[in-house]
């Protein structure tokens, strides 16, 4: 099961200052820090109804980790590599 965080990282670009740009349609969305991903997930559900299938298919097709796509920050990557 994919988390809201991984899905929004896949579909949105963080533009800084709480602004995110949808990679599908280019619309800018605002997301306040510490409020979760509700606004971004709402955008996907409203404007891109098949987003979950698109995400899952992408993960199956490429068979790569999120690290390979650049979705994992440096600190998380270091912790993961330490655990391997």
N, C-alpha and C. Protein backbone atom coordinates (compact mmCIF):
# COMPACT_ATOMS: atom_id res chain seq x y z
N UNK A 1 0.84 -1.18 0.00
CA UNK A 1 0.00 0.00 0.00
C UNK A 1 0.88 1.24 0.00
N UNK A 2 0.63 2.14 -0.90
CA UNK A 2 1.40 3.36 -1.01
C UNK A 2 0.88 4.42 -0.05
N UNK A 3 1.79 5.19 0.47
CA UNK A 3 1.40 6.26 1.39
C UNK A 3 1.11 7.54 0.61
N UNK A 4 0.40 8.44 1.24
CA UNK A 4 0.11 9.73 0.61
C UNK A 4 1.40 10.45 0.27
N UNK A 5 2.39 10.31 1.13
CA UNK A 5 3.67 10.99 0.90
C UNK A 5 4.33 10.49 -0.39
N UNK A 6 4.40 9.18 -0.57
CA UNK A 6 5.06 8.67 -1.77
C UNK A 6 4.28 9.02 -3.03
N UNK A 7 2.96 8.99 -2.94
CA UNK A 7 2.14 9.33 -4.10
C UNK A 7 2.30 10.80 -4.46
N UNK A 8 2.25 11.68 -3.47
CA UNK A 8 2.38 13.10 -3.78
C UNK A 8 3.79 13.44 -4.25
N UNK A 9 4.80 12.75 -3.72
CA UNK A 9 6.17 12.97 -4.22
C UNK A 9 6.30 12.55 -5.67
N UNK A 10 5.54 11.57 -6.07
CA UNK A 10 5.57 11.10 -7.45
C UNK A 10 4.90 12.10 -8.39
N UNK A 11 3.77 12.66 -7.97
CA UNK A 11 2.97 13.52 -8.84
C UNK A 11 3.24 15.01 -8.72
N UNK A 12 3.94 15.44 -7.68
CA UNK A 12 4.15 16.87 -7.47
C UNK A 12 5.63 17.20 -7.33
N UNK A 13 5.96 18.43 -7.75
CA UNK A 13 7.29 18.98 -7.56
C UNK A 13 7.20 20.01 -6.45
N UNK A 14 8.07 19.92 -5.47
CA UNK A 14 8.10 20.89 -4.37
C UNK A 14 8.80 22.14 -4.87
N UNK A 15 8.06 23.23 -4.94
CA UNK A 15 8.60 24.50 -5.43
C UNK A 15 9.10 25.39 -4.29
N UNK A 16 8.97 24.92 -3.06
CA UNK A 16 9.39 25.69 -1.90
C UNK A 16 8.28 26.57 -1.37
N UNK A 17 8.44 27.03 -0.15
CA UNK A 17 7.46 27.91 0.50
C UNK A 17 6.05 27.33 0.51
N UNK A 18 5.93 26.03 0.61
CA UNK A 18 4.61 25.40 0.67
C UNK A 18 3.90 25.31 -0.66
N UNK A 19 4.58 25.60 -1.75
CA UNK A 19 3.99 25.53 -3.09
C UNK A 19 4.43 24.24 -3.77
N UNK A 20 3.49 23.58 -4.41
CA UNK A 20 3.77 22.35 -5.14
C UNK A 20 3.16 22.46 -6.53
N UNK A 21 3.85 21.91 -7.51
CA UNK A 21 3.37 21.94 -8.89
C UNK A 21 3.03 20.52 -9.33
N UNK A 22 1.83 20.33 -9.86
CA UNK A 22 1.39 19.02 -10.33
C UNK A 22 2.14 18.68 -11.62
N UNK A 23 2.75 17.53 -11.66
CA UNK A 23 3.48 17.10 -12.85
C UNK A 23 2.55 16.70 -13.99
N UNK A 24 1.29 16.41 -13.68
CA UNK A 24 0.33 16.00 -14.70
C UNK A 24 -0.27 17.18 -15.44
N UNK A 25 -0.66 18.22 -14.70
CA UNK A 25 -1.36 19.34 -15.34
C UNK A 25 -0.67 20.69 -15.15
N UNK A 26 0.36 20.74 -14.31
CA UNK A 26 1.10 21.97 -14.11
C UNK A 26 0.49 22.95 -13.12
N UNK A 27 -0.66 22.62 -12.56
CA UNK A 27 -1.30 23.54 -11.61
C UNK A 27 -0.50 23.62 -10.31
N UNK A 28 -0.48 24.82 -9.76
CA UNK A 28 0.19 25.04 -8.48
C UNK A 28 -0.80 24.81 -7.35
N UNK A 29 -0.33 24.15 -6.31
CA UNK A 29 -1.16 23.89 -5.13
C UNK A 29 -0.36 24.32 -3.91
N UNK A 30 -1.06 24.78 -2.90
CA UNK A 30 -0.43 25.19 -1.65
C UNK A 30 -0.68 24.12 -0.60
N UNK A 31 0.35 23.80 0.16
CA UNK A 31 0.23 22.82 1.24
C UNK A 31 1.00 23.35 2.43
N UNK A 32 0.31 23.65 3.50
CA UNK A 32 0.95 24.18 4.71
C UNK A 32 1.77 23.09 5.39
N UNK A 33 2.94 23.44 5.89
CA UNK A 33 3.77 22.46 6.60
C UNK A 33 3.04 21.87 7.81
N UNK A 34 3.21 20.59 8.01
CA UNK A 34 2.63 19.92 9.17
C UNK A 34 1.15 19.59 9.04
N UNK A 35 0.57 19.77 7.85
CA UNK A 35 -0.86 19.49 7.68
C UNK A 35 -1.11 18.21 6.90
N UNK A 36 -0.07 17.47 6.61
CA UNK A 36 -0.25 16.25 5.83
C UNK A 36 -0.32 16.56 4.34
N UNK A 37 -0.96 15.68 3.62
CA UNK A 37 -0.99 15.79 2.16
C UNK A 37 -2.41 15.89 1.62
N UNK A 38 -3.34 16.30 2.48
CA UNK A 38 -4.75 16.32 2.12
C UNK A 38 -5.04 17.16 0.89
N UNK A 39 -4.51 18.37 0.83
CA UNK A 39 -4.78 19.27 -0.29
C UNK A 39 -4.25 18.69 -1.60
N UNK A 40 -3.07 18.12 -1.55
CA UNK A 40 -2.47 17.55 -2.76
C UNK A 40 -3.22 16.30 -3.20
N UNK A 41 -3.57 15.45 -2.25
CA UNK A 41 -4.34 14.24 -2.58
C UNK A 41 -5.72 14.61 -3.12
N UNK A 42 -6.31 15.65 -2.58
CA UNK A 42 -7.62 16.12 -3.05
C UNK A 42 -7.52 16.57 -4.50
N UNK A 43 -6.45 17.27 -4.84
CA UNK A 43 -6.24 17.70 -6.23
C UNK A 43 -6.17 16.48 -7.15
N UNK A 44 -5.42 15.47 -6.74
CA UNK A 44 -5.30 14.27 -7.57
C UNK A 44 -6.64 13.57 -7.74
N UNK A 45 -7.38 13.43 -6.66
CA UNK A 45 -8.68 12.74 -6.71
C UNK A 45 -9.67 13.49 -7.59
N UNK A 46 -9.66 14.81 -7.54
CA UNK A 46 -10.60 15.62 -8.30
C UNK A 46 -10.22 15.74 -9.77
N UNK A 47 -8.94 15.97 -10.04
CA UNK A 47 -8.50 16.28 -11.40
C UNK A 47 -7.87 15.12 -12.15
N UNK A 48 -7.45 14.11 -11.44
CA UNK A 48 -6.78 12.97 -12.07
C UNK A 48 -7.31 11.68 -11.45
N UNK A 49 -8.55 11.30 -11.76
CA UNK A 49 -9.22 10.18 -11.10
C UNK A 49 -8.46 8.85 -11.12
N UNK A 50 -7.67 8.58 -12.11
CA UNK A 50 -6.94 7.31 -12.19
C UNK A 50 -5.53 7.40 -11.64
N UNK A 51 -5.28 8.37 -10.76
CA UNK A 51 -3.91 8.59 -10.30
C UNK A 51 -3.32 7.39 -9.57
N UNK A 52 -4.12 6.67 -8.79
CA UNK A 52 -3.59 5.50 -8.05
C UNK A 52 -3.14 4.41 -9.02
N UNK A 53 -3.95 4.15 -10.04
CA UNK A 53 -3.59 3.15 -11.03
C UNK A 53 -2.34 3.58 -11.79
N UNK A 54 -2.25 4.86 -12.12
CA UNK A 54 -1.07 5.38 -12.81
C UNK A 54 0.18 5.17 -11.97
N UNK A 55 0.07 5.48 -10.69
CA UNK A 55 1.20 5.32 -9.78
C UNK A 55 1.60 3.85 -9.66
N UNK A 56 0.63 3.00 -9.40
CA UNK A 56 0.92 1.57 -9.23
C UNK A 56 1.52 0.97 -10.50
N UNK A 57 0.98 1.33 -11.65
CA UNK A 57 1.51 0.83 -12.92
C UNK A 57 2.95 1.29 -13.13
N UNK A 58 3.21 2.53 -12.79
CA UNK A 58 4.57 3.05 -12.91
C UNK A 58 5.54 2.26 -12.04
N UNK A 59 5.12 1.94 -10.83
CA UNK A 59 5.98 1.18 -9.93
C UNK A 59 6.20 -0.24 -10.44
N UNK A 60 5.18 -0.85 -11.01
CA UNK A 60 5.32 -2.21 -11.57
C UNK A 60 6.19 -2.19 -12.82
N UNK A 61 5.96 -1.22 -13.68
CA UNK A 61 6.67 -1.16 -14.96
C UNK A 61 8.16 -0.96 -14.79
N UNK A 62 8.52 -0.05 -13.92
CA UNK A 62 9.93 0.27 -13.78
C UNK A 62 10.63 -0.63 -12.79
N UNK A 63 9.89 -1.12 -11.80
CA UNK A 63 10.48 -2.02 -10.83
C UNK A 63 11.67 -1.43 -10.10
N UNK A 64 11.68 -0.12 -9.99
CA UNK A 64 12.79 0.55 -9.33
C UNK A 64 12.33 1.12 -8.00
N UNK A 65 13.28 1.36 -7.16
CA UNK A 65 12.97 1.98 -5.87
C UNK A 65 12.72 3.47 -6.07
N UNK A 66 12.12 4.07 -5.08
CA UNK A 66 11.91 5.52 -5.13
C UNK A 66 13.23 6.26 -5.14
N UNK A 67 14.25 5.65 -4.56
CA UNK A 67 15.58 6.26 -4.56
C UNK A 67 16.06 6.49 -5.99
N UNK A 68 15.80 5.54 -6.88
CA UNK A 68 16.23 5.66 -8.27
C UNK A 68 15.54 6.82 -8.97
N UNK A 69 14.37 7.20 -8.49
CA UNK A 69 13.64 8.33 -9.08
C UNK A 69 13.98 9.65 -8.40
N UNK A 70 14.81 9.62 -7.39
CA UNK A 70 15.18 10.84 -6.69
C UNK A 70 14.16 11.29 -5.66
N UNK A 71 13.31 10.39 -5.18
CA UNK A 71 12.27 10.76 -4.22
C UNK A 71 12.70 10.60 -2.77
N UNK A 72 13.89 10.11 -2.54
CA UNK A 72 14.34 9.88 -1.18
C UNK A 72 15.42 10.90 -0.86
N UNK A 73 15.27 11.60 0.26
CA UNK A 73 16.27 12.58 0.62
C UNK A 73 17.55 11.89 1.09
N UNK A 74 18.63 12.65 1.14
CA UNK A 74 19.95 12.11 1.45
C UNK A 74 19.97 11.42 2.82
N UNK A 75 19.38 12.01 3.81
CA UNK A 75 19.39 11.44 5.18
C UNK A 75 18.70 10.08 5.21
N UNK A 76 17.53 9.98 4.59
CA UNK A 76 16.80 8.72 4.55
C UNK A 76 17.61 7.66 3.81
N UNK A 77 18.25 8.04 2.73
CA UNK A 77 19.06 7.11 1.95
C UNK A 77 20.22 6.58 2.80
N UNK A 78 20.86 7.46 3.57
CA UNK A 78 21.97 7.03 4.43
C UNK A 78 21.49 6.05 5.49
N UNK A 79 20.35 6.32 6.10
CA UNK A 79 19.81 5.42 7.12
C UNK A 79 19.48 4.06 6.51
N UNK A 80 18.86 4.07 5.33
CA UNK A 80 18.50 2.82 4.67
C UNK A 80 19.74 2.01 4.33
N UNK A 81 20.77 2.66 3.80
CA UNK A 81 21.99 1.94 3.43
C UNK A 81 22.68 1.37 4.65
N UNK A 82 22.59 2.07 5.78
CA UNK A 82 23.17 1.57 7.02
C UNK A 82 22.47 0.29 7.46
N UNK A 83 21.17 0.22 7.23
CA UNK A 83 20.39 -0.94 7.65
C UNK A 83 20.58 -2.15 6.73
N UNK A 84 21.02 -1.94 5.51
CA UNK A 84 21.18 -3.05 4.56
C UNK A 84 22.24 -4.04 4.98
